[in-house]
């Protein structure tokens, strides 16, 4: 990827070289060209490329190495210049593990969760959501200016306003805007947002590309991820886009990325955490609660809310008082080897704690899908305790967590890719009623089956949902698009472009049976359950 983008920098001269040139230099040193290329890459991103890793002591047989090199060299250039290739590669790499776990029918815990729940988000889904958030903000704030980004998926309501709302609570200056992907995977949403925010800020702030690239990385983009390898891929993907952005100067030192591995295990003992309280009973009680929470980081990840872990009272210190001790505990007893593995310019749990405790204008993600029956005991108990209305699927738990990440009353927006079954199943009635009362449903796109091209998503029926963290007024309208009829991702993408916009009153959803969410007004017809019961589902009932 670095070489094909003219970004593989030879360390002594500081110039970009090709793999052919790398091969010539390697011959002079009597080493393999890939080993030398890895050494150069290590100088650019030390914690992503680690040529000293023990695994590289294992040598391929010559015939196997030549076969692998032939496969790599036979790939077209487009593979290495696309923004989403790495994400697809990683999903393919995880396929074997995912199949093994699914066949074993074990309950899904920390070891299995990343492979089973990761699903690479289709580019059209990413663009639709970002165009109807960042793009909608632009047209509401700067109606007289041409947007420097093609907003192909931006949709409009009948009155002429953006279908997803006006984003009144967002700041006027993008330098104050904060975006979080709490399940960032290989960084697909972050890279796409980067490629929108940089041109927007260049047009508004009249700074050069390099200055704006650094500002966007430093101020706007934040990512959390349970899977350590994904954090490295996301960091590389963002760095690659920053280096190859036009007129940004190519390879150079970048600001620290706001990325963190929130699944890092805690290696220290509970006694070591408590010792930091220096005998203060309230601090000790708070640190004990935090230790128990962070001990489950490998399975909870961005579901962790440090402030919720402690309830301030006469016996327990509050989170603000405990935060310096928590950061010290994570740095001193966070697991030194894991720390080295993930210090990518992103940090481990200490950095994750800062992001987990923050609030954001836009929280955007493709959540993990995992039904309650497949979850490990620890994960199931956590959902029951903290998200009882959403406990039936991990995706719904994450919807609630994303809303918590959002800034209060009107300023915070959540955009999410998730399964659609909760819109009508009776077991989610309580969550639907809760969210219909407490949040504004802005834009809902029903994709149904076939929204993903990947075979890994077979059977997935999904929606794209935009929701604001503010109570809806009595006549608030929810807009939607039904793109469930086409059976391919291409067909669904076309309907998101130009399909009919549907409008319903949010309050009227309470009148539907079980408060089911529908983009059309349900007629007052008799229902089949008034006449028949089926006790076997799809059986012979």
Protein backbone atom coordinates (compact mmCIF):
# COMPACT_ATOMS: atom_id res chain seq x y z
CA UNK A 1 0.00 0.00 0.00
CA UNK A 2 2.76 2.45 0.88
CA UNK A 3 4.82 1.64 -2.21
CA UNK A 4 1.94 1.87 -4.69
CA UNK A 5 1.02 5.28 -3.26
CA UNK A 6 4.63 6.53 -3.53
CA UNK A 7 4.87 6.60 0.25
CA UNK A 8 7.47 3.94 1.07
CA UNK A 9 10.20 6.21 2.42
CA UNK A 10 13.85 5.12 2.35
CA UNK A 11 15.16 6.09 5.77
CA UNK A 12 18.57 7.59 4.94
CA UNK A 13 17.66 9.75 1.94
CA UNK A 14 14.07 10.40 3.04
CA UNK A 15 12.67 9.79 -0.44
CA UNK A 16 9.94 7.46 -1.70
CA UNK A 17 11.12 4.29 -3.42
CA UNK A 18 9.46 1.50 -5.38
CA UNK A 19 9.52 -2.16 -4.43
CA UNK A 20 11.85 -2.80 -7.38
CA UNK A 21 14.28 -0.25 -5.98
CA UNK A 22 13.83 -1.81 -2.56
CA UNK A 23 14.79 -5.17 -4.06
CA UNK A 24 18.03 -3.71 -5.45
CA UNK A 25 18.95 -2.24 -2.07
CA UNK A 26 18.07 -5.52 -0.36
CA UNK A 27 20.46 -7.45 -2.61
CA UNK A 28 23.29 -5.16 -1.52
CA UNK A 29 22.52 -5.98 2.12
CA UNK A 30 21.92 -9.66 1.42
CA UNK A 31 18.39 -9.64 2.84
CA UNK A 32 14.85 -10.15 1.56
CA UNK A 33 13.19 -7.11 -0.08
CA UNK A 34 10.11 -7.46 2.12
CA UNK A 35 12.27 -7.38 5.25
CA UNK A 36 13.94 -4.17 4.06
CA UNK A 37 10.59 -2.66 3.06
CA UNK A 38 9.25 -3.49 6.52
CA UNK A 39 12.24 -1.76 8.10
CA UNK A 40 11.47 1.41 6.12
CA UNK A 41 7.78 1.17 7.01
CA UNK A 42 8.71 0.73 10.67
CA UNK A 43 10.42 4.13 10.57
CA UNK A 44 7.16 5.66 9.34
CA UNK A 45 4.66 3.93 11.65
CA UNK A 46 6.73 2.14 14.31
CA UNK A 47 3.85 0.48 16.13
CA UNK A 48 2.00 -0.69 13.02
CA UNK A 49 5.03 -2.24 11.33
CA UNK A 50 7.18 -4.24 13.76
CA UNK A 51 9.92 -6.15 11.90
CA UNK A 52 11.32 -7.33 15.26
CA UNK A 53 8.16 -9.34 15.99
CA UNK A 54 9.00 -13.01 16.76
CA UNK A 55 6.61 -14.25 14.05
CA UNK A 56 9.01 -12.97 11.39
CA UNK A 57 11.64 -15.41 12.56
CA UNK A 58 9.59 -18.06 10.75
CA UNK A 59 10.76 -18.29 7.14
CA UNK A 60 8.62 -19.37 4.21
CA UNK A 61 9.92 -22.04 1.89
CA UNK A 62 11.19 -20.43 -1.31
CA UNK A 63 8.43 -21.88 -3.52
CA UNK A 64 5.74 -20.63 -1.10
CA UNK A 65 7.30 -17.19 -0.91
CA UNK A 66 7.45 -16.91 -4.69
CA UNK A 67 3.80 -17.97 -4.95
CA UNK A 68 2.77 -15.33 -2.43
CA UNK A 69 4.83 -12.64 -4.16
CA UNK A 70 3.21 -13.56 -7.45
CA UNK A 71 -0.26 -13.15 -5.94
CA UNK A 72 0.60 -9.76 -4.49
CA UNK A 73 2.31 -8.47 -7.63
CA UNK A 74 -0.59 -9.67 -9.76
CA UNK A 75 -3.10 -7.43 -8.00
CA UNK A 76 -4.18 -4.32 -9.95
CA UNK A 77 -3.08 -0.89 -8.79
CA UNK A 78 -6.68 0.06 -7.92
CA UNK A 79 -6.59 -2.38 -4.99
CA UNK A 80 -3.87 -0.34 -3.32
CA UNK A 81 -5.30 3.11 -4.02
CA UNK A 82 -8.88 2.38 -2.88
CA UNK A 83 -9.84 3.65 0.56
CA UNK A 84 -11.63 0.48 1.67
CA UNK A 85 -9.36 -2.38 0.56
CA UNK A 86 -7.79 -3.00 3.96
CA UNK A 87 -11.17 -3.41 5.60
CA UNK A 88 -12.20 -6.05 3.07
CA UNK A 89 -8.87 -7.84 3.52
CA UNK A 90 -9.32 -7.99 7.27
CA UNK A 91 -12.87 -9.30 7.02
CA UNK A 92 -11.67 -12.03 4.66
CA UNK A 93 -8.82 -12.84 7.05
CA UNK A 94 -11.34 -13.27 9.88
CA UNK A 95 -13.64 -15.59 7.89
CA UNK A 96 -12.02 -18.85 8.98
CA UNK A 97 -12.15 -17.89 12.67
CA UNK A 98 -15.78 -16.77 12.34
CA UNK A 99 -16.82 -20.05 10.70
CA UNK A 100 -15.01 -22.08 13.37
CA UNK A 101 -16.74 -20.20 16.19
CA UNK A 102 -20.18 -20.47 14.59
CA UNK A 103 -19.77 -24.20 14.03
CA UNK A 104 -18.66 -24.73 17.63
CA UNK A 105 -21.88 -23.09 18.95
CA UNK A 106 -19.98 -21.74 21.96
CA UNK A 107 -21.28 -18.67 23.76
CA UNK A 108 -19.57 -15.58 22.36
CA UNK A 109 -17.09 -13.99 24.77
CA UNK A 110 -13.96 -11.85 24.53
CA UNK A 111 -11.99 -14.31 22.39
CA UNK A 112 -14.74 -14.81 19.83
CA UNK A 113 -16.47 -11.41 19.70
CA UNK A 114 -14.29 -9.56 17.15
CA UNK A 115 -14.31 -12.33 14.54
CA UNK A 116 -18.03 -13.10 14.87
CA UNK A 117 -19.42 -9.55 14.94
CA UNK A 118 -17.22 -7.62 12.50
CA UNK A 119 -18.96 -6.76 9.24
CA UNK A 120 -17.38 -4.33 6.80
CA UNK A 121 -19.77 -1.46 6.05
CA UNK A 122 -20.67 -0.96 2.40
CA UNK A 123 -19.39 2.35 0.98
CA UNK A 124 -22.88 3.50 -0.08
CA UNK A 125 -24.12 3.11 3.52
CA UNK A 126 -21.23 5.21 4.82
CA UNK A 127 -21.79 7.92 2.21
CA UNK A 128 -25.57 8.04 2.76
CA UNK A 129 -25.18 8.59 6.49
CA UNK A 130 -22.37 11.16 6.22
CA UNK A 131 -24.04 13.11 3.42
CA UNK A 132 -27.18 13.30 5.58
CA UNK A 133 -25.26 14.61 8.57
CA UNK A 134 -22.10 16.52 7.63
CA UNK A 135 -23.61 17.38 4.25
CA UNK A 136 -26.89 18.49 5.81
CA UNK A 137 -24.96 20.68 8.27
CA UNK A 138 -23.19 22.38 5.37
CA UNK A 139 -26.35 23.25 3.43
CA UNK A 140 -28.11 24.51 6.57
CA UNK A 141 -25.18 26.74 7.60
CA UNK A 142 -23.90 27.77 4.18
CA UNK A 143 -26.85 27.71 1.75
CA UNK A 144 -25.14 30.31 -0.43
CA UNK A 145 -21.89 28.34 -0.83
CA UNK A 146 -21.19 25.39 -3.08
CA UNK A 147 -20.13 22.40 -1.02
CA UNK A 148 -16.63 21.22 -2.03
CA UNK A 149 -17.81 17.60 -1.68
CA UNK A 150 -20.33 15.88 -3.96
CA UNK A 151 -23.31 15.20 -1.67
CA UNK A 152 -24.90 12.61 -3.95
CA UNK A 153 -26.98 10.97 -1.20
CA UNK A 154 -28.25 14.14 0.51
CA UNK A 155 -32.05 13.94 0.70
CA UNK A 156 -34.63 16.68 1.18
CA UNK A 157 -37.98 16.97 2.88
CA UNK A 158 -40.97 18.40 1.01
CA UNK A 159 -40.56 21.78 2.71
CA UNK A 160 -37.06 22.11 1.27
CA UNK A 161 -35.12 21.35 4.44
CA UNK A 162 -32.68 18.48 4.84
CA UNK A 163 -34.48 15.18 5.44
CA UNK A 164 -32.23 14.41 8.42
CA UNK A 165 -32.83 17.77 10.12
CA UNK A 166 -31.06 21.10 10.42
CA UNK A 167 -28.47 20.10 13.06
CA UNK A 168 -29.17 23.26 15.00
CA UNK A 169 -27.19 22.09 18.03
CA UNK A 170 -23.97 21.60 16.11
CA UNK A 171 -21.29 24.30 16.28
CA UNK A 172 -20.96 26.85 13.47
CA UNK A 173 -17.20 26.26 13.35
CA UNK A 174 -15.98 22.81 12.33
CA UNK A 175 -12.94 23.26 14.55
CA UNK A 176 -15.33 22.67 17.49
CA UNK A 177 -17.03 19.61 15.93
CA UNK A 178 -16.37 16.15 17.43
CA UNK A 179 -17.17 12.83 15.75
CA UNK A 180 -16.86 9.37 17.32
CA UNK A 181 -17.03 5.89 15.84
CA UNK A 182 -17.21 3.64 18.94
CA UNK A 183 -16.82 0.45 16.85
CA UNK A 184 -14.44 1.87 14.28
CA UNK A 185 -13.10 -1.42 12.91
CA UNK A 186 -10.64 -0.72 10.11
CA UNK A 187 -11.60 2.96 10.08
CA UNK A 188 -14.07 3.09 7.17
CA UNK A 189 -16.35 5.77 8.67
CA UNK A 190 -13.35 7.75 9.96
CA UNK A 191 -11.60 7.79 6.58
CA UNK A 192 -14.81 8.77 4.77
CA UNK A 193 -15.46 11.57 7.29
CA UNK A 194 -11.85 12.73 6.91
CA UNK A 195 -12.30 13.03 3.13
CA UNK A 196 -15.39 15.20 3.69
CA UNK A 197 -14.19 17.33 6.60
CA UNK A 198 -10.84 18.31 5.07
CA UNK A 199 -12.32 19.91 1.91
CA UNK A 200 -15.06 21.57 3.97
CA UNK A 201 -12.60 23.09 6.43
CA UNK A 202 -10.25 24.17 3.63
CA UNK A 203 -13.14 26.03 1.96
CA UNK A 204 -14.26 27.70 5.20
CA UNK A 205 -10.99 28.36 7.02
CA UNK A 206 -8.75 29.24 4.07
CA UNK A 207 -5.80 27.27 5.41
CA UNK A 208 -3.54 25.06 3.33
CA UNK A 209 -4.15 21.33 2.97
CA UNK A 210 -1.44 20.23 5.41
CA UNK A 211 -2.72 22.50 8.18
CA UNK A 212 -6.32 21.35 7.71
CA UNK A 213 -5.38 17.66 7.49
CA UNK A 214 -3.60 17.94 10.84
CA UNK A 215 -6.49 19.90 12.36
CA UNK A 216 -9.09 17.32 11.31
CA UNK A 217 -7.02 14.46 12.75
CA UNK A 218 -6.36 16.38 15.95
CA UNK A 219 -9.77 17.96 16.58
CA UNK A 220 -12.58 16.16 14.73
CA UNK A 221 -12.09 12.40 14.48
CA UNK A 222 -12.22 9.89 17.34
CA UNK A 223 -12.37 6.11 17.24
CA UNK A 224 -12.68 3.22 19.69
CA UNK A 225 -12.25 -0.45 18.83
CA UNK A 226 -12.33 -3.74 20.74
CA UNK A 227 -10.01 -5.56 18.32
CA UNK A 228 -6.33 -4.67 18.67
CA UNK A 229 -5.42 -5.51 15.07
CA UNK A 230 -8.27 -3.33 13.80
CA UNK A 231 -6.91 -0.34 15.71
CA UNK A 232 -3.62 -0.73 13.85
CA UNK A 233 -5.43 -0.99 10.50
CA UNK A 234 -7.56 2.09 11.27
CA UNK A 235 -4.45 4.07 12.22
CA UNK A 236 -2.71 3.02 9.02
CA UNK A 237 -5.77 3.82 6.88
CA UNK A 238 -6.07 7.33 8.35
CA UNK A 239 -2.34 7.99 8.05
CA UNK A 240 -2.36 6.79 4.43
CA UNK A 241 -5.21 9.17 3.53
CA UNK A 242 -3.48 12.05 5.32
CA UNK A 243 -0.23 11.45 3.44
CA UNK A 244 -1.80 11.08 0.02
CA UNK A 245 -4.29 13.95 0.32
CA UNK A 246 -3.59 16.37 -2.56
CA UNK A 247 -1.09 19.14 -1.75
CA UNK A 248 -0.78 18.03 1.90
CA UNK A 249 2.95 17.39 1.61
CA UNK A 250 3.12 13.61 1.31
CA UNK A 251 4.81 11.66 4.08
CA UNK A 252 5.44 13.68 7.26
CA UNK A 253 4.91 13.45 10.99
CA UNK A 254 1.22 13.55 11.87
CA UNK A 255 -0.49 14.65 15.10
CA UNK A 256 -1.45 11.96 17.58
CA UNK A 257 -4.53 10.16 16.32
CA UNK A 258 -7.57 10.01 18.59
CA UNK A 259 -7.80 6.23 18.28
CA UNK A 260 -7.78 3.82 21.18
CA UNK A 261 -7.89 0.09 21.79
CA UNK A 262 -10.72 -0.19 24.32
CA UNK A 263 -10.38 -3.98 24.57
CA UNK A 264 -6.98 -3.92 26.23
CA UNK A 265 -6.85 -6.34 29.18
CA UNK A 266 -5.88 -4.99 32.59
CA UNK A 267 -2.79 -6.80 33.81
CA UNK A 268 -2.40 -5.24 37.26
CA UNK A 269 -3.84 -6.69 40.44
CA UNK A 270 -6.71 -5.14 42.34
CA UNK A 271 -4.42 -4.47 45.32
CA UNK A 272 -2.17 -2.32 43.10
CA UNK A 273 -5.12 -0.17 42.06
CA UNK A 274 -6.31 0.22 45.64
CA UNK A 275 -2.82 1.19 46.79
CA UNK A 276 -3.05 4.33 44.66
CA UNK A 277 -5.84 5.55 46.98
CA UNK A 278 -3.24 5.77 49.80
CA UNK A 279 -5.66 4.59 52.45
CA UNK A 280 -8.55 6.93 51.58
CA UNK A 281 -11.68 4.78 52.01
CA UNK A 282 -13.81 6.68 49.48
CA UNK A 283 -11.09 6.59 46.84
CA UNK A 284 -10.46 2.90 47.55
CA UNK A 285 -14.14 2.06 47.05
CA UNK A 286 -14.19 3.95 43.77
CA UNK A 287 -10.98 2.34 42.49
CA UNK A 288 -12.35 -1.11 43.37
CA UNK A 289 -15.45 -0.41 41.26
CA UNK A 290 -13.34 0.86 38.36
CA UNK A 291 -11.06 -2.18 38.51
CA UNK A 292 -14.04 -4.52 38.23
CA UNK A 293 -15.32 -2.56 35.23
CA UNK A 294 -12.05 -2.36 33.33
CA UNK A 295 -11.24 -5.99 34.01
CA UNK A 296 -14.03 -6.74 31.54
CA UNK A 297 -12.65 -4.39 28.86
CA UNK A 298 -11.83 -7.27 26.43
CA UNK A 299 -15.53 -8.10 26.15
CA UNK A 300 -17.24 -4.77 26.92
CA UNK A 301 -14.99 -2.41 24.97
CA UNK A 302 -16.75 0.88 24.25
CA UNK A 303 -19.78 -0.18 26.29
CA UNK A 304 -17.73 0.85 29.31
CA UNK A 305 -18.84 4.15 30.81
CA UNK A 306 -16.22 5.05 33.44
CA UNK A 307 -18.48 7.60 35.13
CA UNK A 308 -21.33 5.09 35.45
CA UNK A 309 -19.00 2.59 37.10
CA UNK A 310 -18.94 4.65 40.27
CA UNK A 311 -21.86 6.31 42.02
CA UNK A 312 -20.67 9.27 44.06
CA UNK A 313 -21.93 9.19 47.64
CA UNK A 314 -20.58 9.40 51.16
CA UNK A 315 -18.81 6.05 50.76
CA UNK A 316 -17.51 6.27 47.17
CA UNK A 317 -15.59 9.00 45.40
CA UNK A 318 -16.99 10.34 42.11
CA UNK A 319 -15.41 9.83 38.72
CA UNK A 320 -13.90 13.33 38.42
CA UNK A 321 -12.02 12.75 41.66
CA UNK A 322 -10.98 9.25 40.59
CA UNK A 323 -9.96 10.02 37.01
CA UNK A 324 -6.31 10.95 37.75
CA UNK A 325 -5.90 7.74 39.79
CA UNK A 326 -7.54 5.68 37.04
CA UNK A 327 -5.18 7.07 34.41
CA UNK A 328 -2.21 6.34 36.67
CA UNK A 329 -3.43 2.79 37.30
CA UNK A 330 -3.88 2.11 33.60
CA UNK A 331 -0.45 3.45 32.75
CA UNK A 332 1.36 1.66 35.56
CA UNK A 333 -0.63 -1.59 35.59
CA UNK A 334 -2.19 -1.76 32.14
CA UNK A 335 -0.18 -4.62 30.72
CA UNK A 336 3.18 -3.49 29.35
CA UNK A 337 3.30 -5.91 26.41
CA UNK A 338 -0.20 -5.03 25.24
CA UNK A 339 0.69 -1.35 25.64
CA UNK A 340 3.67 -1.72 23.31
CA UNK A 341 1.57 -3.66 20.83
CA UNK A 342 -1.05 -0.94 20.47
CA UNK A 343 0.74 2.36 21.08
CA UNK A 344 0.11 3.28 17.49
CA UNK A 345 0.00 6.98 17.96
CA UNK A 346 -3.13 5.76 19.60
CA UNK A 347 -2.89 4.60 23.19
CA UNK A 348 -4.46 1.80 25.17
CA UNK A 349 -7.01 2.05 27.95
CA UNK A 350 -5.70 5.34 29.33
CA UNK A 351 -6.49 7.07 26.05
CA UNK A 352 -9.66 5.01 25.70
CA UNK A 353 -10.86 6.32 29.07
CA UNK A 354 -10.70 9.88 27.79
CA UNK A 355 -12.74 8.96 24.72
CA UNK A 356 -15.18 6.79 26.69
CA UNK A 357 -15.88 9.70 29.04
CA UNK A 358 -16.49 12.23 26.27
CA UNK A 359 -19.57 13.47 24.43
CA UNK A 360 -19.79 14.04 20.69
CA UNK A 361 -21.83 15.92 18.12
CA UNK A 362 -21.98 12.91 15.78
CA UNK A 363 -21.73 9.27 16.84
CA UNK A 364 -21.66 7.09 13.74
CA UNK A 365 -21.02 3.36 13.45
CA UNK A 366 -21.96 -0.07 12.19
CA UNK A 367 -22.72 -1.86 15.45
CA UNK A 368 -21.92 -5.52 16.26
CA UNK A 369 -24.90 -7.85 15.78
CA UNK A 370 -25.24 -10.62 18.38
CA UNK A 371 -28.49 -12.05 19.72
CA UNK A 372 -28.82 -12.52 23.47
CA UNK A 373 -28.90 -16.33 23.22
CA UNK A 374 -25.38 -16.37 21.72
CA UNK A 375 -23.79 -14.03 24.27
CA UNK A 376 -21.50 -15.15 27.07
CA UNK A 377 -22.83 -14.95 30.63
CA UNK A 378 -20.79 -11.83 31.39
CA UNK A 379 -22.01 -9.94 28.35
CA UNK A 380 -25.61 -11.01 28.88
CA UNK A 381 -25.54 -9.98 32.55
CA UNK A 382 -24.06 -6.59 31.68
CA UNK A 383 -26.84 -5.92 29.16
CA UNK A 384 -29.53 -7.00 31.62
CA UNK A 385 -28.15 -4.72 34.32
CA UNK A 386 -27.43 -1.57 32.33
CA UNK A 387 -29.67 -1.80 29.24
CA UNK A 388 -32.70 -3.92 30.19
CA UNK A 389 -34.90 -2.53 27.39
CA UNK A 390 -32.25 -3.32 24.75
CA UNK A 391 -30.84 -6.57 26.13
CA UNK A 392 -32.12 -8.89 23.37
CA UNK A 393 -29.37 -7.98 20.92
CA UNK A 394 -25.93 -6.40 21.28
CA UNK A 395 -26.80 -4.07 18.40
CA UNK A 396 -29.63 -2.51 20.42
CA UNK A 397 -27.42 -2.17 23.46
CA UNK A 398 -24.96 -0.24 21.30
CA UNK A 399 -27.74 2.03 20.02
CA UNK A 400 -28.42 3.06 23.61
CA UNK A 401 -24.69 3.52 24.28
CA UNK A 402 -24.30 5.67 21.17
CA UNK A 403 -27.08 7.95 22.41
CA UNK A 404 -25.22 8.23 25.73
CA UNK A 405 -22.11 9.32 23.83
CA UNK A 406 -24.14 12.05 22.13
CA UNK A 407 -24.12 15.57 23.47
CA UNK A 408 -27.20 16.61 25.42
CA UNK A 409 -30.48 18.05 24.15
CA UNK A 410 -30.36 18.78 20.47
CA UNK A 411 -26.60 18.86 19.97
CA UNK A 412 -25.97 15.12 19.70
CA UNK A 413 -26.85 12.99 16.66
CA UNK A 414 -26.46 9.22 16.33
CA UNK A 415 -26.24 7.48 12.97
CA UNK A 416 -26.17 3.73 12.98
CA UNK A 417 -26.25 0.64 10.76
CA UNK A 418 -28.14 -2.10 12.59
CA UNK A 419 -30.64 -4.97 12.16
CA UNK A 420 -34.24 -4.02 11.39
CA UNK A 421 -36.13 -6.73 13.33
CA UNK A 422 -36.33 -4.62 16.48
CA UNK A 423 -38.63 -2.18 14.66
CA UNK A 424 -41.50 -4.66 14.97
CA UNK A 425 -40.71 -7.61 17.27
CA UNK A 426 -42.75 -7.60 20.48
CA UNK A 427 -39.65 -8.23 22.62
CA UNK A 428 -38.36 -4.74 21.74
CA UNK A 429 -41.63 -2.91 22.48
CA UNK A 430 -40.25 -1.30 25.65
CA UNK A 431 -37.18 0.05 23.85
CA UNK A 432 -39.26 1.40 20.97
CA UNK A 433 -41.61 3.22 23.35
CA UNK A 434 -38.67 4.59 25.32
CA UNK A 435 -36.90 5.94 22.23
CA UNK A 436 -40.09 7.32 20.68
CA UNK A 437 -40.52 9.39 23.86
CA UNK A 438 -36.90 10.38 24.51
CA UNK A 439 -35.28 10.87 21.08
CA UNK A 440 -36.11 12.47 17.74
CA UNK A 441 -36.25 9.94 14.92
CA UNK A 442 -34.97 11.98 11.97
CA UNK A 443 -34.31 9.67 9.02
CA UNK A 444 -34.85 5.93 8.61
CA UNK A 445 -33.79 3.93 5.56
CA UNK A 446 -35.00 0.33 5.46
CA UNK A 447 -32.62 -1.77 3.37
CA UNK A 448 -33.99 -5.23 4.15
CA UNK A 449 -31.99 -8.24 2.94
CA UNK A 450 -29.11 -7.97 0.49
CA UNK A 451 -27.78 -4.63 1.65
CA UNK A 452 -24.27 -6.06 1.97
CA UNK A 453 -22.36 -7.56 -0.95
CA UNK A 454 -20.37 -9.77 1.42
CA UNK A 455 -21.35 -13.41 1.91
CA UNK A 456 -20.50 -12.85 5.57
CA UNK A 457 -23.75 -10.84 5.84
CA UNK A 458 -26.04 -13.49 4.42
CA UNK A 459 -29.45 -13.17 6.08
CA UNK A 460 -28.79 -9.70 7.51
CA UNK A 461 -31.79 -7.33 7.25
CA UNK A 462 -30.56 -3.84 8.13
CA UNK A 463 -31.59 -0.23 8.52
CA UNK A 464 -29.73 3.09 8.41
CA UNK A 465 -31.02 5.23 11.27
CA UNK A 466 -30.42 8.89 12.15
CA UNK A 467 -31.61 9.91 15.61
CA UNK A 468 -31.14 13.09 17.70
CA UNK A 469 -30.75 13.12 21.45
CA UNK A 470 -33.65 15.45 22.20
CA UNK A 471 -37.31 15.02 23.04
CA UNK A 472 -39.56 15.28 19.98
CA UNK A 473 -42.26 17.93 19.79
CA UNK A 474 -45.81 16.67 19.33
CA UNK A 475 -45.86 17.05 15.52
CA UNK A 476 -42.29 15.96 14.83
CA UNK A 477 -42.05 14.20 11.46
CA UNK A 478 -39.88 11.15 10.83
CA UNK A 479 -38.75 10.79 7.23
CA UNK A 480 -37.86 7.51 5.60
CA UNK A 481 -36.93 5.58 2.50
CA UNK A 482 -38.01 2.00 1.84
CA UNK A 483 -35.17 0.40 -0.13
CA UNK A 484 -36.04 -3.16 0.85
CA UNK A 485 -37.41 -4.34 -2.52
CA UNK A 486 -34.15 -4.54 -4.56
CA UNK A 487 -32.12 -7.67 -3.76
CA UNK A 488 -28.70 -6.16 -4.45
CA UNK A 489 -26.60 -3.47 -2.82
CA UNK A 490 -26.51 -1.58 -6.15
CA UNK A 491 -30.32 -1.50 -6.32
CA UNK A 492 -30.61 -0.30 -2.75
CA UNK A 493 -27.99 2.38 -3.34
CA UNK A 494 -30.00 3.73 -6.29
CA UNK A 495 -33.16 3.97 -4.17
CA UNK A 496 -31.27 5.85 -1.46
CA UNK A 497 -30.33 8.31 -4.21
CA UNK A 498 -33.77 8.85 -5.69
CA UNK A 499 -36.40 6.69 -3.97
CA UNK A 500 -39.61 8.27 -2.72
CA UNK A 501 -39.38 10.06 0.63
CA UNK A 502 -41.99 8.88 3.13
CA UNK A 503 -43.18 11.02 6.03
CA UNK A 504 -44.94 9.95 9.22
CA UNK A 505 -45.62 11.68 12.52
CA UNK A 506 -43.35 10.18 15.16
CA UNK A 507 -46.05 10.38 17.84
CA UNK A 508 -48.40 8.30 15.66
CA UNK A 509 -46.09 5.28 15.96
CA UNK A 510 -47.55 4.73 19.42
CA UNK A 511 -50.89 3.97 17.74
CA UNK A 512 -49.39 1.01 15.87
CA UNK A 513 -49.69 -2.44 17.46
CA UNK A 514 -46.88 -2.80 20.03
CA UNK A 515 -45.63 0.66 18.92
CA UNK A 516 -44.13 -0.90 15.80
CA UNK A 517 -42.16 1.48 13.61
CA UNK A 518 -43.69 1.86 10.16
CA UNK A 519 -42.97 4.29 7.31
CA UNK A 520 -46.63 4.13 6.27
CA UNK A 521 -49.72 4.71 8.36
CA UNK A 522 -51.16 1.34 9.36
CA UNK A 523 -54.86 1.04 8.57
CA UNK A 524 -57.26 0.11 11.38
CA UNK A 525 -57.79 -3.39 10.00
CA UNK A 526 -58.45 -6.55 11.95
CA UNK A 527 -55.31 -8.48 12.78
CA UNK A 528 -54.71 -12.19 12.34
CA UNK A 529 -53.80 -12.63 16.03
CA UNK A 530 -57.44 -11.89 16.92
CA UNK A 531 -58.36 -15.21 15.28
CA UNK A 532 -55.34 -17.51 15.43
CA UNK A 533 -52.32 -18.45 17.51
CA UNK A 534 -49.22 -20.25 16.23
CA UNK A 535 -47.03 -21.88 18.84
CA UNK A 536 -44.38 -23.27 16.48
CA UNK A 537 -43.34 -20.22 14.53
CA UNK A 538 -42.30 -21.54 11.13
CA UNK A 539 -43.41 -25.06 12.03
CA UNK A 540 -46.80 -26.66 11.35
CA UNK A 541 -48.74 -24.50 13.80
